[in-house]
N, C-alpha and C. Protein backbone atom coordinates (compact mmCIF):
# COMPACT_ATOMS: atom_id res chain seq x y z
N MET A 1 16.51 1.50 27.50
CA MET A 1 16.30 0.52 26.38
C MET A 1 15.84 -0.86 26.94
N PRO A 2 14.84 -1.47 26.34
CA PRO A 2 14.38 -2.73 26.90
C PRO A 2 15.37 -3.79 26.94
N PRO A 3 15.40 -4.75 27.79
CA PRO A 3 16.35 -5.82 27.87
C PRO A 3 16.56 -6.49 26.52
N SER A 4 15.58 -6.72 25.78
CA SER A 4 15.66 -7.45 24.52
C SER A 4 16.45 -6.71 23.48
N ALA A 5 16.59 -5.42 23.63
CA ALA A 5 17.31 -4.57 22.67
C ALA A 5 18.70 -4.28 23.03
N ARG A 6 19.12 -4.73 24.24
CA ARG A 6 20.41 -4.40 24.79
C ARG A 6 21.51 -5.35 24.33
N GLY A 7 22.67 -4.86 24.05
CA GLY A 7 23.83 -5.80 23.86
C GLY A 7 23.91 -6.46 22.58
N HIS A 8 23.06 -6.24 21.58
CA HIS A 8 23.21 -6.79 20.28
C HIS A 8 23.44 -5.78 19.20
N ARG A 9 24.54 -6.00 18.46
CA ARG A 9 24.91 -5.00 17.50
C ARG A 9 23.79 -4.77 16.47
N GLY A 10 23.49 -3.47 16.21
CA GLY A 10 22.60 -3.09 15.23
C GLY A 10 21.19 -2.81 15.71
N VAL A 11 20.80 -3.18 16.94
CA VAL A 11 19.50 -3.02 17.43
C VAL A 11 19.48 -1.63 18.18
N ARG A 12 18.58 -0.79 17.75
CA ARG A 12 18.48 0.53 18.42
C ARG A 12 17.39 0.56 19.43
N ARG A 13 16.18 0.08 18.98
CA ARG A 13 15.02 0.21 19.89
C ARG A 13 14.07 -0.87 19.60
N VAL A 14 13.47 -1.42 20.57
CA VAL A 14 12.39 -2.42 20.46
C VAL A 14 11.39 -2.14 21.47
N ASP A 15 10.14 -1.81 20.97
CA ASP A 15 9.08 -1.77 21.93
C ASP A 15 7.78 -2.05 21.15
N GLY A 16 6.75 -2.56 21.86
CA GLY A 16 5.57 -2.76 21.19
C GLY A 16 5.51 -3.95 20.28
N VAL A 17 6.46 -4.92 20.37
CA VAL A 17 6.44 -6.02 19.54
C VAL A 17 5.34 -7.05 20.06
N ARG A 18 4.39 -7.37 19.22
CA ARG A 18 3.35 -8.21 19.76
C ARG A 18 3.84 -9.68 20.00
N ALA A 19 3.20 -10.27 20.96
CA ALA A 19 3.59 -11.68 21.29
C ALA A 19 3.20 -12.62 20.14
N ASP A 20 2.23 -12.23 19.28
CA ASP A 20 1.84 -13.01 18.19
C ASP A 20 2.52 -12.62 16.86
N TRP A 21 3.67 -12.02 16.91
CA TRP A 21 4.36 -11.58 15.72
C TRP A 21 4.60 -12.65 14.66
N ARG A 22 4.70 -13.87 15.11
CA ARG A 22 4.92 -14.97 14.09
C ARG A 22 3.69 -15.19 13.28
N ARG A 23 2.51 -14.76 13.61
CA ARG A 23 1.26 -14.94 12.81
C ARG A 23 0.99 -13.74 11.94
N ARG A 24 1.86 -12.74 11.92
CA ARG A 24 1.60 -11.51 11.19
C ARG A 24 2.77 -11.28 10.18
N PRO A 25 2.46 -10.38 9.22
CA PRO A 25 3.55 -10.05 8.24
C PRO A 25 4.60 -9.20 8.97
N ILE A 26 5.88 -9.42 8.70
CA ILE A 26 6.96 -8.51 9.09
C ILE A 26 7.13 -7.58 7.90
N VAL A 27 7.08 -6.28 8.13
CA VAL A 27 7.14 -5.27 7.07
C VAL A 27 8.42 -4.47 7.23
N LEU A 28 9.26 -4.50 6.21
CA LEU A 28 10.56 -3.75 6.31
C LEU A 28 10.31 -2.37 5.70
N VAL A 29 10.66 -1.32 6.46
CA VAL A 29 10.44 0.04 5.99
C VAL A 29 11.85 0.72 6.07
N GLY A 30 11.98 1.89 5.34
CA GLY A 30 13.18 2.66 5.34
C GLY A 30 13.49 3.23 4.09
N LEU A 31 14.47 4.06 3.97
CA LEU A 31 14.88 4.75 2.68
C LEU A 31 15.47 3.75 1.69
N MET A 32 15.37 4.21 0.39
CA MET A 32 15.95 3.35 -0.59
C MET A 32 17.43 3.13 -0.28
N GLY A 33 17.90 1.86 -0.51
CA GLY A 33 19.30 1.54 -0.29
C GLY A 33 19.55 0.97 1.19
N SER A 34 18.50 1.00 1.96
CA SER A 34 18.63 0.43 3.36
C SER A 34 18.75 -1.07 3.40
N GLY A 35 18.48 -1.77 2.37
CA GLY A 35 18.63 -3.19 2.21
C GLY A 35 17.32 -3.96 2.50
N LYS A 36 16.22 -3.36 2.30
CA LYS A 36 14.93 -4.02 2.59
C LYS A 36 14.79 -5.32 1.78
N THR A 37 15.08 -5.28 0.51
CA THR A 37 14.89 -6.53 -0.26
C THR A 37 15.86 -7.53 0.00
N THR A 38 17.11 -7.22 -0.01
CA THR A 38 18.21 -8.13 0.28
C THR A 38 18.08 -8.77 1.65
N VAL A 39 17.90 -7.97 2.69
CA VAL A 39 17.78 -8.42 4.00
C VAL A 39 16.52 -9.22 4.16
N GLY A 40 15.44 -8.66 3.49
CA GLY A 40 14.14 -9.40 3.59
C GLY A 40 14.20 -10.80 3.06
N LYS A 41 14.82 -10.98 1.90
CA LYS A 41 14.94 -12.31 1.42
C LYS A 41 15.68 -13.27 2.32
N ARG A 42 16.77 -12.74 2.91
CA ARG A 42 17.58 -13.57 3.89
C ARG A 42 16.79 -13.91 5.19
N LEU A 43 16.05 -12.87 5.65
CA LEU A 43 15.27 -13.06 6.81
C LEU A 43 14.16 -14.06 6.54
N ALA A 44 13.55 -14.03 5.35
CA ALA A 44 12.50 -14.99 4.99
C ALA A 44 13.08 -16.44 4.98
N ALA A 45 14.28 -16.51 4.37
CA ALA A 45 14.92 -17.84 4.38
C ALA A 45 15.17 -18.37 5.73
N LYS A 46 15.59 -17.59 6.66
CA LYS A 46 15.87 -17.92 8.08
C LYS A 46 14.68 -18.46 8.76
N LEU A 47 13.54 -17.62 8.61
CA LEU A 47 12.32 -17.97 9.25
C LEU A 47 11.50 -19.07 8.50
N ARG A 48 11.91 -19.33 7.30
CA ARG A 48 11.16 -20.22 6.32
C ARG A 48 9.73 -19.63 6.07
N TRP A 49 9.73 -18.36 5.76
CA TRP A 49 8.50 -17.61 5.45
C TRP A 49 8.54 -17.17 4.04
N PRO A 50 7.42 -16.91 3.38
CA PRO A 50 7.40 -16.34 2.11
C PRO A 50 7.99 -14.93 2.17
N PHE A 51 8.55 -14.50 0.98
CA PHE A 51 9.03 -13.10 0.88
C PHE A 51 8.32 -12.41 -0.37
N VAL A 52 7.89 -11.18 -0.19
CA VAL A 52 7.33 -10.44 -1.27
C VAL A 52 7.90 -9.03 -1.22
N ASP A 53 8.22 -8.54 -2.46
CA ASP A 53 8.68 -7.16 -2.68
C ASP A 53 7.54 -6.36 -3.16
N ALA A 54 7.09 -5.40 -2.31
CA ALA A 54 5.91 -4.58 -2.76
C ALA A 54 6.09 -3.86 -4.03
N ASP A 55 7.26 -3.34 -4.30
CA ASP A 55 7.56 -2.68 -5.57
C ASP A 55 7.34 -3.58 -6.79
N ALA A 56 7.86 -4.80 -6.63
CA ALA A 56 7.72 -5.77 -7.71
C ALA A 56 6.22 -6.11 -7.95
N GLU A 57 5.49 -6.25 -6.87
CA GLU A 57 4.05 -6.49 -6.93
C GLU A 57 3.32 -5.39 -7.61
N ILE A 58 3.69 -4.14 -7.31
CA ILE A 58 3.10 -2.93 -7.90
C ILE A 58 3.34 -2.97 -9.49
N GLU A 59 4.58 -3.33 -9.79
CA GLU A 59 4.94 -3.38 -11.31
C GLU A 59 4.05 -4.44 -11.99
N VAL A 60 3.92 -5.55 -11.35
CA VAL A 60 3.06 -6.61 -11.91
C VAL A 60 1.60 -6.19 -12.02
N ALA A 61 1.07 -5.52 -11.02
CA ALA A 61 -0.32 -5.02 -11.06
C ALA A 61 -0.49 -3.96 -12.09
N ALA A 62 0.45 -3.03 -12.28
CA ALA A 62 0.38 -1.94 -13.20
C ALA A 62 0.79 -2.28 -14.58
N GLN A 63 1.52 -3.43 -14.71
CA GLN A 63 2.11 -3.86 -15.97
C GLN A 63 3.04 -2.86 -16.55
N MET A 64 3.79 -2.17 -15.65
CA MET A 64 4.83 -1.20 -16.12
C MET A 64 5.78 -0.98 -14.95
N PRO A 65 6.98 -0.52 -15.25
CA PRO A 65 7.99 -0.22 -14.21
C PRO A 65 7.52 1.03 -13.36
N ILE A 66 7.97 1.03 -12.15
CA ILE A 66 7.65 2.10 -11.21
C ILE A 66 8.10 3.44 -11.82
N SER A 67 9.25 3.43 -12.45
CA SER A 67 9.72 4.72 -12.98
C SER A 67 8.80 5.28 -14.07
N GLU A 68 8.10 4.35 -14.86
CA GLU A 68 7.15 4.75 -15.85
C GLU A 68 5.87 5.21 -15.17
N ILE A 69 5.46 4.54 -14.15
CA ILE A 69 4.26 4.98 -13.32
C ILE A 69 4.44 6.39 -12.89
N PHE A 70 5.59 6.67 -12.26
CA PHE A 70 5.94 8.05 -11.81
C PHE A 70 5.91 9.09 -12.94
N ALA A 71 6.53 8.69 -14.07
CA ALA A 71 6.64 9.56 -15.22
C ALA A 71 5.26 9.90 -15.88
N ARG A 72 4.46 8.90 -16.02
CA ARG A 72 3.17 9.01 -16.67
C ARG A 72 2.08 9.56 -15.84
N PHE A 73 2.09 9.19 -14.59
CA PHE A 73 0.91 9.44 -13.62
C PHE A 73 1.22 10.34 -12.45
N GLY A 74 2.46 10.39 -12.09
CA GLY A 74 2.86 11.18 -10.86
C GLY A 74 2.97 10.31 -9.56
N GLU A 75 3.60 10.92 -8.57
CA GLU A 75 3.77 10.23 -7.29
C GLU A 75 2.46 9.90 -6.55
N SER A 76 1.51 10.88 -6.57
CA SER A 76 0.24 10.64 -5.93
C SER A 76 -0.47 9.38 -6.41
N HIS A 77 -0.49 9.23 -7.73
CA HIS A 77 -1.17 8.02 -8.33
C HIS A 77 -0.43 6.78 -7.89
N PHE A 78 0.92 6.84 -7.92
CA PHE A 78 1.66 5.72 -7.50
C PHE A 78 1.39 5.30 -6.09
N ARG A 79 1.31 6.29 -5.13
CA ARG A 79 1.08 6.00 -3.77
C ARG A 79 -0.28 5.37 -3.59
N ASP A 80 -1.23 5.80 -4.34
CA ASP A 80 -2.62 5.14 -4.20
C ASP A 80 -2.49 3.72 -4.56
N GLY A 81 -1.86 3.36 -5.68
CA GLY A 81 -1.67 1.95 -6.10
C GLY A 81 -0.84 1.19 -5.08
N GLU A 82 0.20 1.86 -4.58
CA GLU A 82 1.03 1.17 -3.61
C GLU A 82 0.25 0.76 -2.36
N ARG A 83 -0.66 1.73 -1.88
CA ARG A 83 -1.49 1.43 -0.68
C ARG A 83 -2.39 0.20 -0.89
N ARG A 84 -2.96 0.16 -2.06
CA ARG A 84 -3.86 -1.00 -2.39
C ARG A 84 -3.02 -2.30 -2.40
N VAL A 85 -1.92 -2.29 -3.07
CA VAL A 85 -1.09 -3.50 -3.12
C VAL A 85 -0.60 -3.95 -1.79
N ILE A 86 -0.17 -3.01 -1.00
CA ILE A 86 0.39 -3.37 0.33
C ILE A 86 -0.83 -3.87 1.19
N GLY A 87 -2.01 -3.28 1.06
CA GLY A 87 -3.21 -3.75 1.73
C GLY A 87 -3.45 -5.29 1.41
N ARG A 88 -3.36 -5.63 0.14
CA ARG A 88 -3.50 -7.00 -0.25
C ARG A 88 -2.44 -7.88 0.25
N LEU A 89 -1.16 -7.45 0.23
CA LEU A 89 -0.06 -8.24 0.78
C LEU A 89 -0.11 -8.49 2.27
N MET A 90 -0.74 -7.56 2.89
CA MET A 90 -0.85 -7.75 4.42
C MET A 90 -1.79 -8.88 4.82
N GLU A 91 -2.65 -9.31 3.93
CA GLU A 91 -3.57 -10.38 4.17
C GLU A 91 -2.84 -11.71 4.15
N GLY A 92 -3.41 -12.68 4.89
CA GLY A 92 -2.88 -14.04 4.76
C GLY A 92 -1.80 -14.40 5.78
N GLY A 93 -1.57 -13.63 6.80
CA GLY A 93 -0.65 -14.13 7.81
C GLY A 93 0.79 -13.84 7.55
N HIS A 94 1.65 -14.74 8.10
CA HIS A 94 3.11 -14.45 8.14
C HIS A 94 3.73 -14.46 6.75
N LYS A 95 4.57 -13.47 6.54
CA LYS A 95 5.39 -13.32 5.37
C LYS A 95 6.36 -12.16 5.69
N ILE A 96 7.35 -11.99 4.84
CA ILE A 96 8.25 -10.79 4.91
C ILE A 96 7.91 -9.96 3.69
N ILE A 97 7.57 -8.66 4.02
CA ILE A 97 7.28 -7.66 2.94
C ILE A 97 8.29 -6.54 2.91
N ALA A 98 8.97 -6.39 1.84
CA ALA A 98 9.85 -5.27 1.65
C ALA A 98 9.04 -4.21 0.94
N THR A 99 9.01 -2.94 1.51
CA THR A 99 8.23 -1.83 0.94
C THR A 99 9.22 -0.86 0.27
N GLY A 100 8.56 -0.05 -0.58
CA GLY A 100 9.32 1.09 -1.14
C GLY A 100 9.60 2.13 -0.07
N GLY A 101 10.60 2.98 -0.36
CA GLY A 101 10.96 3.99 0.67
C GLY A 101 9.95 4.88 1.15
N GLY A 102 8.96 5.22 0.32
CA GLY A 102 7.93 6.18 0.71
C GLY A 102 6.65 5.58 1.22
N ALA A 103 6.57 4.30 1.20
CA ALA A 103 5.25 3.60 1.55
C ALA A 103 4.88 3.97 2.98
N PHE A 104 5.77 3.87 3.94
CA PHE A 104 5.42 4.07 5.35
C PHE A 104 5.12 5.56 5.67
N VAL A 105 5.38 6.44 4.72
CA VAL A 105 5.20 7.87 4.93
C VAL A 105 3.65 8.16 4.74
N ASP A 106 3.01 7.37 3.91
CA ASP A 106 1.57 7.50 3.70
C ASP A 106 0.80 7.08 5.01
N ALA A 107 0.00 8.00 5.53
CA ALA A 107 -0.61 7.76 6.76
C ALA A 107 -1.52 6.52 6.80
N GLU A 108 -2.25 6.31 5.75
CA GLU A 108 -3.15 5.11 5.68
C GLU A 108 -2.33 3.83 5.60
N THR A 109 -1.31 3.85 4.76
CA THR A 109 -0.52 2.65 4.61
C THR A 109 0.23 2.31 5.95
N ARG A 110 0.72 3.43 6.60
CA ARG A 110 1.45 3.23 7.92
C ARG A 110 0.57 2.65 8.94
N ALA A 111 -0.68 3.21 9.05
CA ALA A 111 -1.59 2.68 10.01
C ALA A 111 -1.88 1.21 9.76
N LEU A 112 -2.13 0.86 8.52
CA LEU A 112 -2.39 -0.56 8.14
C LEU A 112 -1.21 -1.45 8.60
N ILE A 113 -0.05 -1.07 8.29
CA ILE A 113 1.09 -1.85 8.63
C ILE A 113 1.29 -1.96 10.12
N LEU A 114 1.12 -0.86 10.90
CA LEU A 114 1.32 -0.85 12.29
C LEU A 114 0.20 -1.66 12.99
N ASN A 115 -0.99 -1.66 12.45
CA ASN A 115 -2.14 -2.42 13.05
C ASN A 115 -2.11 -3.89 12.69
N GLU A 116 -1.63 -4.23 11.54
CA GLU A 116 -1.76 -5.65 11.08
C GLU A 116 -0.44 -6.42 11.08
N GLY A 117 0.71 -5.68 11.15
CA GLY A 117 1.94 -6.40 10.99
C GLY A 117 2.99 -5.86 11.98
N THR A 118 4.24 -6.31 11.83
CA THR A 118 5.30 -5.81 12.66
C THR A 118 6.27 -5.04 11.72
N ALA A 119 6.32 -3.78 11.93
CA ALA A 119 7.11 -2.82 11.17
C ALA A 119 8.58 -2.83 11.73
N ILE A 120 9.51 -2.95 10.80
CA ILE A 120 10.94 -2.82 11.19
C ILE A 120 11.58 -1.73 10.30
N TRP A 121 12.14 -0.74 10.95
CA TRP A 121 12.75 0.34 10.23
C TRP A 121 14.27 -0.07 10.10
N LEU A 122 14.72 -0.30 8.79
CA LEU A 122 16.09 -0.46 8.47
C LEU A 122 16.68 0.85 8.21
N ASP A 123 17.59 1.30 9.00
CA ASP A 123 18.16 2.64 9.04
C ASP A 123 19.70 2.51 8.64
N ALA A 124 20.12 3.48 7.89
CA ALA A 124 21.64 3.48 7.56
C ALA A 124 22.01 4.92 7.40
N ALA A 125 23.35 5.15 7.50
CA ALA A 125 23.92 6.46 7.28
C ALA A 125 23.74 6.90 5.83
N ILE A 126 23.58 8.18 5.63
CA ILE A 126 23.31 8.66 4.25
C ILE A 126 24.44 8.29 3.35
N GLU A 127 25.62 8.25 3.80
CA GLU A 127 26.82 7.89 2.92
C GLU A 127 26.64 6.46 2.47
N THR A 128 26.23 5.60 3.40
CA THR A 128 26.06 4.18 3.02
C THR A 128 24.95 4.04 2.06
N LEU A 129 23.80 4.71 2.29
CA LEU A 129 22.65 4.65 1.35
C LEU A 129 23.06 5.11 -0.05
N ALA A 130 23.76 6.31 -0.07
CA ALA A 130 24.16 6.93 -1.34
C ALA A 130 25.09 5.99 -2.12
N ALA A 131 25.99 5.31 -1.45
CA ALA A 131 26.91 4.38 -2.11
C ALA A 131 26.12 3.19 -2.66
N ARG A 132 25.12 2.69 -1.92
CA ARG A 132 24.28 1.59 -2.39
C ARG A 132 23.40 1.96 -3.57
N VAL A 133 22.73 3.05 -3.52
CA VAL A 133 21.82 3.39 -4.61
C VAL A 133 22.53 3.89 -5.88
N SER A 134 23.81 4.30 -5.76
CA SER A 134 24.59 4.73 -6.86
C SER A 134 24.90 3.58 -7.82
N LYS A 135 24.75 2.37 -7.37
CA LYS A 135 25.06 1.18 -8.13
C LYS A 135 23.97 0.83 -9.17
N ARG A 136 22.80 1.41 -8.90
CA ARG A 136 21.64 1.17 -9.84
C ARG A 136 20.98 2.54 -10.12
N ASN A 137 20.47 2.63 -11.40
CA ASN A 137 19.96 3.96 -11.86
C ASN A 137 18.46 3.95 -12.06
N HIS A 138 17.74 3.05 -11.40
CA HIS A 138 16.28 2.87 -11.72
C HIS A 138 15.37 3.63 -10.70
N ARG A 139 15.91 4.43 -9.81
CA ARG A 139 15.05 5.10 -8.80
C ARG A 139 14.51 6.41 -9.25
N PRO A 140 13.21 6.52 -9.45
CA PRO A 140 12.67 7.79 -10.03
C PRO A 140 13.02 9.04 -9.19
N LEU A 141 13.14 8.96 -7.90
CA LEU A 141 13.39 10.20 -7.07
C LEU A 141 14.81 10.68 -7.26
N LEU A 142 15.69 9.78 -7.75
CA LEU A 142 17.14 10.17 -7.88
C LEU A 142 17.59 10.57 -9.31
N ILE A 143 16.72 10.37 -10.33
CA ILE A 143 17.15 10.60 -11.66
C ILE A 143 17.61 12.04 -11.84
N GLY A 144 18.92 12.16 -12.29
CA GLY A 144 19.48 13.51 -12.57
C GLY A 144 19.87 14.30 -11.30
N LYS A 145 19.87 13.66 -10.17
CA LYS A 145 20.09 14.40 -8.93
C LYS A 145 21.24 13.82 -8.20
N ASP A 146 21.72 14.60 -7.14
CA ASP A 146 22.81 14.16 -6.27
C ASP A 146 22.25 13.20 -5.23
N PRO A 147 22.55 11.92 -5.24
CA PRO A 147 21.94 10.94 -4.27
C PRO A 147 22.07 11.40 -2.79
N LYS A 148 23.24 11.91 -2.36
CA LYS A 148 23.46 12.29 -0.97
C LYS A 148 22.51 13.41 -0.59
N GLN A 149 22.34 14.36 -1.44
CA GLN A 149 21.49 15.49 -1.13
C GLN A 149 19.96 15.03 -1.06
N VAL A 150 19.56 14.30 -2.06
CA VAL A 150 18.17 13.81 -2.12
C VAL A 150 17.91 12.92 -0.89
N LEU A 151 18.82 11.98 -0.54
CA LEU A 151 18.61 11.09 0.57
C LEU A 151 18.64 11.78 1.91
N GLY A 152 19.42 12.76 2.10
CA GLY A 152 19.44 13.60 3.23
C GLY A 152 18.08 14.33 3.46
N GLU A 153 17.56 14.91 2.38
CA GLU A 153 16.33 15.60 2.41
C GLU A 153 15.18 14.64 2.77
N LEU A 154 15.23 13.44 2.10
CA LEU A 154 14.20 12.47 2.29
C LEU A 154 14.24 11.98 3.76
N MET A 155 15.43 11.75 4.26
CA MET A 155 15.57 11.29 5.70
C MET A 155 14.96 12.29 6.63
N GLU A 156 15.24 13.55 6.36
CA GLU A 156 14.69 14.60 7.24
C GLU A 156 13.14 14.63 7.26
N LEU A 157 12.59 14.42 6.12
CA LEU A 157 11.13 14.41 5.93
C LEU A 157 10.53 13.12 6.49
N ARG A 158 11.13 11.92 6.20
CA ARG A 158 10.53 10.65 6.54
C ARG A 158 10.86 10.08 7.83
N ALA A 159 11.95 10.45 8.46
CA ALA A 159 12.43 9.81 9.79
C ALA A 159 11.32 9.91 10.84
N PRO A 160 10.49 10.92 10.97
CA PRO A 160 9.41 10.97 11.99
C PRO A 160 8.39 9.84 11.73
N CYS A 161 8.20 9.49 10.51
CA CYS A 161 7.31 8.35 10.22
C CYS A 161 8.00 7.04 10.45
N TYR A 162 9.26 6.83 10.05
CA TYR A 162 9.96 5.58 10.26
C TYR A 162 10.11 5.32 11.73
N ARG A 163 10.23 6.37 12.56
CA ARG A 163 10.46 6.18 13.99
C ARG A 163 9.24 5.57 14.62
N GLN A 164 8.13 5.48 14.00
CA GLN A 164 6.95 4.91 14.54
C GLN A 164 7.00 3.34 14.47
N ALA A 165 7.91 2.82 13.80
CA ALA A 165 8.06 1.37 13.72
C ALA A 165 8.59 0.89 15.05
N PRO A 166 7.96 -0.18 15.53
CA PRO A 166 8.40 -0.68 16.90
C PRO A 166 9.85 -1.23 16.90
N ILE A 167 10.44 -1.64 15.81
CA ILE A 167 11.74 -2.09 15.83
C ILE A 167 12.57 -1.18 14.89
N HIS A 168 13.77 -0.83 15.41
CA HIS A 168 14.69 0.08 14.68
C HIS A 168 16.02 -0.64 14.63
N ILE A 169 16.46 -0.96 13.37
CA ILE A 169 17.69 -1.76 13.12
C ILE A 169 18.65 -0.91 12.29
N ILE A 170 19.83 -0.92 12.67
CA ILE A 170 20.88 -0.21 11.85
C ILE A 170 21.40 -1.21 10.74
N SER A 171 21.27 -0.80 9.55
CA SER A 171 21.74 -1.60 8.42
C SER A 171 23.11 -0.98 7.97
N ALA A 172 24.12 -1.44 8.64
CA ALA A 172 25.47 -0.88 8.44
C ALA A 172 26.20 -1.57 7.42
N ASP A 173 27.32 -0.99 6.90
CA ASP A 173 28.22 -1.70 5.95
C ASP A 173 28.64 -3.04 6.63
N GLY A 174 28.73 -4.05 5.86
CA GLY A 174 29.08 -5.34 6.39
C GLY A 174 28.18 -6.39 5.94
N PRO A 175 28.33 -7.69 6.33
CA PRO A 175 27.46 -8.65 5.82
C PRO A 175 26.04 -8.49 6.19
N HIS A 176 25.20 -8.73 5.23
CA HIS A 176 23.69 -8.64 5.48
C HIS A 176 23.24 -9.52 6.57
N GLU A 177 24.03 -10.59 6.83
CA GLU A 177 23.64 -11.58 7.84
C GLU A 177 23.66 -10.92 9.22
N GLU A 178 24.49 -9.88 9.46
CA GLU A 178 24.46 -9.14 10.70
C GLU A 178 23.19 -8.40 10.94
N THR A 179 22.65 -7.87 9.81
CA THR A 179 21.29 -7.15 9.98
C THR A 179 20.20 -8.15 10.23
N VAL A 180 20.24 -9.28 9.55
CA VAL A 180 19.27 -10.24 9.76
C VAL A 180 19.29 -10.77 11.17
N ASN A 181 20.49 -11.00 11.73
CA ASN A 181 20.66 -11.48 13.03
C ASN A 181 20.12 -10.48 14.06
N ALA A 182 20.36 -9.16 13.81
CA ALA A 182 19.91 -8.02 14.65
C ALA A 182 18.36 -8.09 14.69
N ILE A 183 17.70 -8.27 13.57
CA ILE A 183 16.24 -8.37 13.48
C ILE A 183 15.73 -9.51 14.34
N LEU A 184 16.37 -10.68 14.11
CA LEU A 184 15.99 -11.88 14.88
C LEU A 184 16.14 -11.71 16.35
N HIS A 185 17.27 -11.12 16.73
CA HIS A 185 17.46 -10.82 18.19
C HIS A 185 16.36 -9.86 18.72
N ALA A 186 15.99 -8.86 17.93
CA ALA A 186 14.95 -8.05 18.38
C ALA A 186 13.64 -8.77 18.51
N LEU A 187 13.33 -9.69 17.67
CA LEU A 187 12.12 -10.39 17.70
C LEU A 187 12.02 -11.46 18.73
N ILE A 188 13.11 -12.13 18.87
CA ILE A 188 13.01 -13.37 19.76
C ILE A 188 14.01 -13.26 20.91
N GLY A 189 14.84 -12.19 21.00
CA GLY A 189 15.70 -11.94 22.18
C GLY A 189 16.77 -12.93 22.32
N ARG A 190 17.18 -13.64 21.19
CA ARG A 190 18.31 -14.52 21.32
C ARG A 190 18.95 -14.63 19.93
N ASP A 191 20.04 -15.34 19.81
CA ASP A 191 20.72 -15.50 18.55
C ASP A 191 19.88 -16.26 17.52
N SER A 192 20.10 -15.96 16.25
CA SER A 192 19.31 -16.53 15.13
C SER A 192 19.40 -18.06 15.10
N LYS A 193 20.43 -18.71 15.74
CA LYS A 193 20.53 -20.11 15.79
C LYS A 193 19.39 -20.79 16.47
N ALA A 194 18.62 -20.01 17.25
CA ALA A 194 17.50 -20.51 17.98
C ALA A 194 16.23 -20.56 17.09
N VAL A 195 16.31 -20.02 15.86
CA VAL A 195 15.16 -19.99 14.91
C VAL A 195 15.00 -21.37 14.34
């Protein structure tokens, strides 16, 4: 493991982080419930960068909730719109972007994020994810299903894509500040107080 990834709680792997990461978007990827929005907002506050939630931007562009897009048009239509919105969000330099759980699985979207930004995989145990997503019932892929089973299946399918992110952070139970600090440590190799 590279020196910058050693000895800090929550950092699994860091490689390929560009020297100019401060001029590029930081894009948080991972399964639903991994904390992309909550952690993203806190990370943006620490860095004093703008924060955008790709799912919220998709809903604004479509003028309907994501659950309705899925129900009316299907997942393929949703992914096409998601790709266009993320492409637009990637423009304009530094910001924190929280993506939907399936965004990084799309090959074109993933290539765009890897080429133009810094992808960070927020990873968590299935039990942790299930507990988090059970608090809200707006996720189309979980409606009427067992969250643990669905999340386990999704992780098996999506993990090979998520692993392509140059930074892998464990989003464990505990204060979100720990996850934010692990991200900052991975990026700058020291405690967040240096930001």
